[in-house]
């Protein structure tokens, strides 16, 4: 059934109620079914709105996180370059010290 395919217990409940209303039949059966369908649509619209809000929040947070990650990655690269330069400078100075000590 569609309810199982969509993993929707609400839809399964609606189908059960509609089947029950049809079996027990009355003049207002279709009005009752229309009401149940309208309620289901309203509920699904609210869920969709909540999901859209949640997705919007997640997208915003993901964008901010990626920007921070890029910034910190650039900062790490700059610091690594600085460390390499300082290490090279230190090695050069140590060579000069060793040369001066031999003299």
N, C-alpha and C. Protein backbone atom coordinates (compact mmCIF):
# COMPACT_ATOMS: atom_id res chain seq x y z
N UNK A 1 0.84 -1.19 0.00
CA UNK A 1 0.00 0.00 0.00
C UNK A 1 0.88 1.25 0.00
N UNK A 2 0.30 2.36 -0.37
CA UNK A 2 1.02 3.63 -0.42
C UNK A 2 1.52 4.02 0.97
N UNK A 3 0.72 3.76 1.99
CA UNK A 3 1.12 4.11 3.36
C UNK A 3 2.39 3.37 3.76
N UNK A 4 2.49 2.08 3.41
CA UNK A 4 3.69 1.31 3.73
C UNK A 4 4.87 1.81 2.91
N UNK A 5 4.63 2.09 1.63
CA UNK A 5 5.69 2.57 0.74
C UNK A 5 6.27 3.89 1.25
N UNK A 6 5.42 4.77 1.71
CA UNK A 6 5.84 6.09 2.19
C UNK A 6 6.19 6.09 3.68
N UNK A 7 6.04 4.94 4.34
CA UNK A 7 6.30 4.82 5.79
C UNK A 7 5.49 5.87 6.56
N UNK A 8 4.20 5.93 6.26
CA UNK A 8 3.34 6.95 6.87
C UNK A 8 2.23 6.29 7.67
N UNK A 9 2.39 6.23 9.00
CA UNK A 9 1.32 5.66 9.82
C UNK A 9 0.04 6.49 9.75
N UNK A 10 0.19 7.82 9.56
CA UNK A 10 -0.99 8.67 9.45
C UNK A 10 -1.82 8.30 8.22
N UNK A 11 -1.13 8.04 7.12
CA UNK A 11 -1.84 7.67 5.89
C UNK A 11 -2.52 6.32 6.06
N UNK A 12 -1.88 5.39 6.73
CA UNK A 12 -2.47 4.07 6.98
C UNK A 12 -3.72 4.22 7.84
N UNK A 13 -3.64 5.09 8.86
CA UNK A 13 -4.79 5.31 9.73
C UNK A 13 -5.94 5.94 8.94
N UNK A 14 -5.61 6.90 8.06
CA UNK A 14 -6.64 7.53 7.23
C UNK A 14 -7.32 6.49 6.35
N UNK A 15 -6.54 5.62 5.73
CA UNK A 15 -7.09 4.58 4.86
C UNK A 15 -8.01 3.65 5.65
N UNK A 16 -7.60 3.30 6.86
CA UNK A 16 -8.42 2.43 7.72
C UNK A 16 -9.74 3.12 8.08
N UNK A 17 -9.66 4.39 8.46
CA UNK A 17 -10.87 5.13 8.82
C UNK A 17 -11.80 5.27 7.62
N UNK A 18 -11.22 5.52 6.45
CA UNK A 18 -12.05 5.66 5.24
C UNK A 18 -12.74 4.34 4.92
N UNK A 19 -12.01 3.24 5.02
CA UNK A 19 -12.59 1.93 4.75
C UNK A 19 -13.72 1.63 5.74
N UNK A 20 -13.49 1.96 7.00
CA UNK A 20 -14.51 1.75 8.03
C UNK A 20 -15.75 2.60 7.74
N UNK A 21 -15.53 3.85 7.37
CA UNK A 21 -16.66 4.74 7.07
C UNK A 21 -17.45 4.23 5.87
N UNK A 22 -16.74 3.70 4.89
CA UNK A 22 -17.41 3.18 3.69
C UNK A 22 -18.22 1.92 4.03
N UNK A 23 -17.67 1.05 4.88
CA UNK A 23 -18.36 -0.19 5.24
C UNK A 23 -19.64 0.10 6.03
N UNK A 24 -19.55 1.03 6.96
CA UNK A 24 -20.69 1.32 7.82
C UNK A 24 -21.67 2.25 7.15
N UNK A 25 -21.29 2.81 6.05
CA UNK A 25 -22.12 3.66 5.19
C UNK A 25 -23.16 4.51 5.90
N UNK A 26 -23.24 5.72 5.49
CA UNK A 26 -24.28 6.64 5.93
C UNK A 26 -24.35 7.74 4.90
N UNK A 27 -25.33 8.59 5.01
CA UNK A 27 -25.51 9.65 4.02
C UNK A 27 -24.30 10.58 3.98
N UNK A 28 -23.72 10.84 5.11
CA UNK A 28 -22.62 11.80 5.17
C UNK A 28 -21.24 11.16 5.08
N UNK A 29 -21.20 9.93 4.56
CA UNK A 29 -19.93 9.21 4.50
C UNK A 29 -18.88 9.99 3.71
N UNK A 30 -19.27 10.55 2.59
CA UNK A 30 -18.29 11.27 1.77
C UNK A 30 -17.86 12.57 2.43
N UNK A 31 -18.78 13.19 3.15
CA UNK A 31 -18.41 14.40 3.90
C UNK A 31 -17.37 14.05 4.96
N UNK A 32 -17.59 12.92 5.62
CA UNK A 32 -16.65 12.48 6.64
C UNK A 32 -15.29 12.16 6.01
N UNK A 33 -15.30 11.49 4.86
CA UNK A 33 -14.06 11.15 4.16
C UNK A 33 -13.36 12.42 3.71
N UNK A 34 -14.13 13.37 3.17
CA UNK A 34 -13.54 14.65 2.74
C UNK A 34 -12.89 15.36 3.92
N UNK A 35 -13.55 15.32 5.06
CA UNK A 35 -13.00 15.94 6.26
C UNK A 35 -11.70 15.27 6.68
N UNK A 36 -11.68 13.93 6.65
CA UNK A 36 -10.46 13.22 7.01
C UNK A 36 -9.32 13.54 6.04
N UNK A 37 -9.65 13.62 4.76
CA UNK A 37 -8.63 13.96 3.76
C UNK A 37 -8.12 15.38 3.98
N UNK A 38 -9.03 16.30 4.25
CA UNK A 38 -8.63 17.69 4.51
C UNK A 38 -7.72 17.77 5.74
N UNK A 39 -8.08 17.04 6.79
CA UNK A 39 -7.24 17.02 7.99
C UNK A 39 -5.85 16.47 7.68
N UNK A 40 -5.81 15.40 6.88
CA UNK A 40 -4.53 14.79 6.51
C UNK A 40 -3.70 15.78 5.69
N UNK A 41 -4.32 16.47 4.76
CA UNK A 41 -3.61 17.45 3.93
C UNK A 41 -3.05 18.56 4.82
N UNK A 42 -3.87 19.05 5.75
CA UNK A 42 -3.40 20.11 6.65
C UNK A 42 -2.21 19.65 7.47
N UNK A 43 -2.29 18.45 7.99
CA UNK A 43 -1.20 17.90 8.80
C UNK A 43 0.07 17.75 7.96
N UNK A 44 -0.09 17.24 6.73
CA UNK A 44 1.08 17.06 5.86
C UNK A 44 1.69 18.40 5.45
N UNK A 45 0.85 19.41 5.24
CA UNK A 45 1.36 20.74 4.91
C UNK A 45 2.16 21.32 6.07
N UNK A 46 1.66 21.12 7.30
CA UNK A 46 2.39 21.60 8.48
C UNK A 46 3.73 20.88 8.61
N UNK A 47 3.73 19.56 8.38
CA UNK A 47 4.97 18.79 8.44
C UNK A 47 5.95 19.27 7.37
N UNK A 48 5.44 19.53 6.16
CA UNK A 48 6.29 20.00 5.07
C UNK A 48 6.89 21.36 5.41
N UNK A 49 6.09 22.22 6.02
CA UNK A 49 6.58 23.55 6.42
C UNK A 49 7.67 23.42 7.48
N UNK A 50 7.45 22.53 8.45
CA UNK A 50 8.45 22.32 9.50
C UNK A 50 9.74 21.76 8.90
N UNK A 51 9.61 20.83 7.96
CA UNK A 51 10.79 20.26 7.31
C UNK A 51 11.53 21.32 6.50
N UNK A 52 10.79 22.20 5.82
CA UNK A 52 11.41 23.27 5.04
C UNK A 52 12.18 24.22 5.96
N UNK A 53 11.59 24.53 7.11
CA UNK A 53 12.26 25.40 8.07
C UNK A 53 13.54 24.74 8.59
N UNK A 54 13.44 23.46 8.90
CA UNK A 54 14.59 22.71 9.39
C UNK A 54 15.68 22.65 8.32
N UNK A 55 15.29 22.40 7.07
CA UNK A 55 16.25 22.33 5.97
C UNK A 55 16.93 23.67 5.77
N UNK A 56 16.15 24.74 5.84
CA UNK A 56 16.71 26.08 5.69
C UNK A 56 17.76 26.35 6.76
N UNK A 57 17.44 25.99 7.99
CA UNK A 57 18.38 26.16 9.11
C UNK A 57 19.66 25.34 8.86
N UNK A 58 19.47 24.10 8.46
CA UNK A 58 20.63 23.22 8.22
C UNK A 58 21.50 23.75 7.08
N UNK A 59 20.86 24.22 6.01
CA UNK A 59 21.61 24.79 4.88
C UNK A 59 22.42 26.00 5.33
N UNK A 60 21.81 26.86 6.14
CA UNK A 60 22.50 28.06 6.64
C UNK A 60 23.70 27.65 7.50
N UNK A 61 23.48 26.72 8.41
CA UNK A 61 24.55 26.27 9.30
C UNK A 61 25.67 25.60 8.50
N UNK A 62 25.31 24.82 7.50
CA UNK A 62 26.31 24.14 6.68
C UNK A 62 27.16 25.15 5.91
N UNK A 63 26.52 26.18 5.38
CA UNK A 63 27.25 27.22 4.66
C UNK A 63 28.23 27.92 5.60
N UNK A 64 27.77 28.28 6.79
CA UNK A 64 28.63 28.94 7.77
C UNK A 64 29.79 28.03 8.19
N UNK A 65 29.50 26.77 8.40
CA UNK A 65 30.53 25.81 8.82
C UNK A 65 31.58 25.64 7.73
N UNK A 66 31.14 25.54 6.48
CA UNK A 66 32.09 25.40 5.37
C UNK A 66 32.96 26.64 5.24
N UNK A 67 32.37 27.82 5.44
CA UNK A 67 33.15 29.07 5.37
C UNK A 67 34.21 29.09 6.47
N UNK A 68 33.81 28.70 7.69
CA UNK A 68 34.76 28.66 8.81
C UNK A 68 35.87 27.64 8.54
N UNK A 69 35.48 26.50 7.99
CA UNK A 69 36.45 25.45 7.68
C UNK A 69 37.46 25.96 6.65
N UNK A 70 36.98 26.63 5.61
CA UNK A 70 37.88 27.18 4.59
C UNK A 70 38.83 28.21 5.20
N UNK A 71 38.28 29.09 6.03
CA UNK A 71 39.09 30.12 6.69
C UNK A 71 40.19 29.48 7.54
N UNK A 72 39.80 28.50 8.33
CA UNK A 72 40.78 27.85 9.21
C UNK A 72 41.80 27.05 8.41
N UNK A 73 41.36 26.46 7.29
CA UNK A 73 42.29 25.74 6.42
C UNK A 73 43.34 26.69 5.85
N UNK A 74 42.89 27.88 5.43
CA UNK A 74 43.82 28.90 4.92
C UNK A 74 44.79 29.34 6.02
N UNK A 75 44.26 29.50 7.22
CA UNK A 75 45.09 29.92 8.35
C UNK A 75 46.14 28.85 8.67
N UNK A 76 45.75 27.59 8.62
CA UNK A 76 46.68 26.48 8.87
C UNK A 76 47.78 26.48 7.82
N UNK A 77 47.40 26.67 6.55
CA UNK A 77 48.39 26.70 5.47
C UNK A 77 49.38 27.84 5.68
N UNK A 78 48.88 29.01 6.07
CA UNK A 78 49.76 30.17 6.30
C UNK A 78 50.71 29.89 7.46
N UNK A 79 50.20 29.29 8.52
CA UNK A 79 51.05 28.97 9.68
C UNK A 79 52.09 27.90 9.32
N UNK A 80 51.70 26.93 8.51
CA UNK A 80 52.65 25.89 8.09
C UNK A 80 53.79 26.52 7.28
N UNK A 81 53.45 27.46 6.42
CA UNK A 81 54.47 28.17 5.63
C UNK A 81 55.39 28.95 6.55
N UNK A 82 54.81 29.60 7.54
CA UNK A 82 55.60 30.37 8.51
C UNK A 82 56.55 29.45 9.28
N UNK A 83 56.07 28.28 9.68
CA UNK A 83 56.89 27.31 10.41
C UNK A 83 58.05 26.83 9.53
N UNK A 84 57.75 26.53 8.26
CA UNK A 84 58.79 26.08 7.34
C UNK A 84 59.86 27.15 7.18
N UNK A 85 59.43 28.38 7.05
CA UNK A 85 60.37 29.50 6.90
C UNK A 85 61.23 29.65 8.15
N UNK A 86 60.61 29.58 9.32
CA UNK A 86 61.34 29.70 10.58
C UNK A 86 62.32 28.54 10.75
N UNK A 87 61.91 27.34 10.36
CA UNK A 87 62.78 26.17 10.45
C UNK A 87 64.00 26.33 9.55
N UNK A 88 63.76 26.81 8.33
CA UNK A 88 64.87 27.05 7.39
C UNK A 88 65.81 28.12 7.94
N UNK A 89 65.24 29.18 8.48
CA UNK A 89 66.04 30.26 9.08
C UNK A 89 66.86 29.73 10.25
N UNK A 90 66.26 28.89 11.07
CA UNK A 90 66.95 28.30 12.22
C UNK A 90 68.11 27.43 11.76
N UNK A 91 67.88 26.62 10.74
CA UNK A 91 68.94 25.75 10.22
C UNK A 91 70.10 26.59 9.68
N UNK A 92 69.78 27.66 8.98
CA UNK A 92 70.80 28.56 8.43
C UNK A 92 71.62 29.19 9.56
N UNK A 93 70.93 29.65 10.59
CA UNK A 93 71.63 30.27 11.73
C UNK A 93 72.51 29.26 12.46
N UNK A 94 72.03 28.02 12.58
CA UNK A 94 72.83 26.98 13.24
C UNK A 94 74.10 26.69 12.44
N UNK A 95 73.99 26.70 11.12
CA UNK A 95 75.17 26.51 10.27
C UNK A 95 76.16 27.65 10.48
N UNK A 96 75.65 28.87 10.53
CA UNK A 96 76.51 30.04 10.72
C UNK A 96 77.21 29.97 12.08
N UNK A 97 76.47 29.54 13.11
CA UNK A 97 77.06 29.40 14.45
C UNK A 97 78.16 28.36 14.43
N UNK A 98 77.87 27.23 13.77
CA UNK A 98 78.87 26.16 13.69
C UNK A 98 80.12 26.65 12.96
N UNK A 99 79.93 27.41 11.89
CA UNK A 99 81.07 27.96 11.13
C UNK A 99 81.87 28.92 11.99
N UNK A 100 81.18 29.79 12.71
CA UNK A 100 81.86 30.77 13.57
C UNK A 100 82.61 30.09 14.71
N UNK A 101 82.07 28.99 15.24
CA UNK A 101 82.72 28.30 16.35
C UNK A 101 84.00 27.59 15.88
N UNK A 102 84.05 27.20 14.60
CA UNK A 102 85.23 26.53 14.06
C UNK A 102 86.37 27.52 13.88
N UNK A 103 86.06 28.79 13.70
CA UNK A 103 87.09 29.80 13.44
C UNK A 103 87.85 30.19 14.65
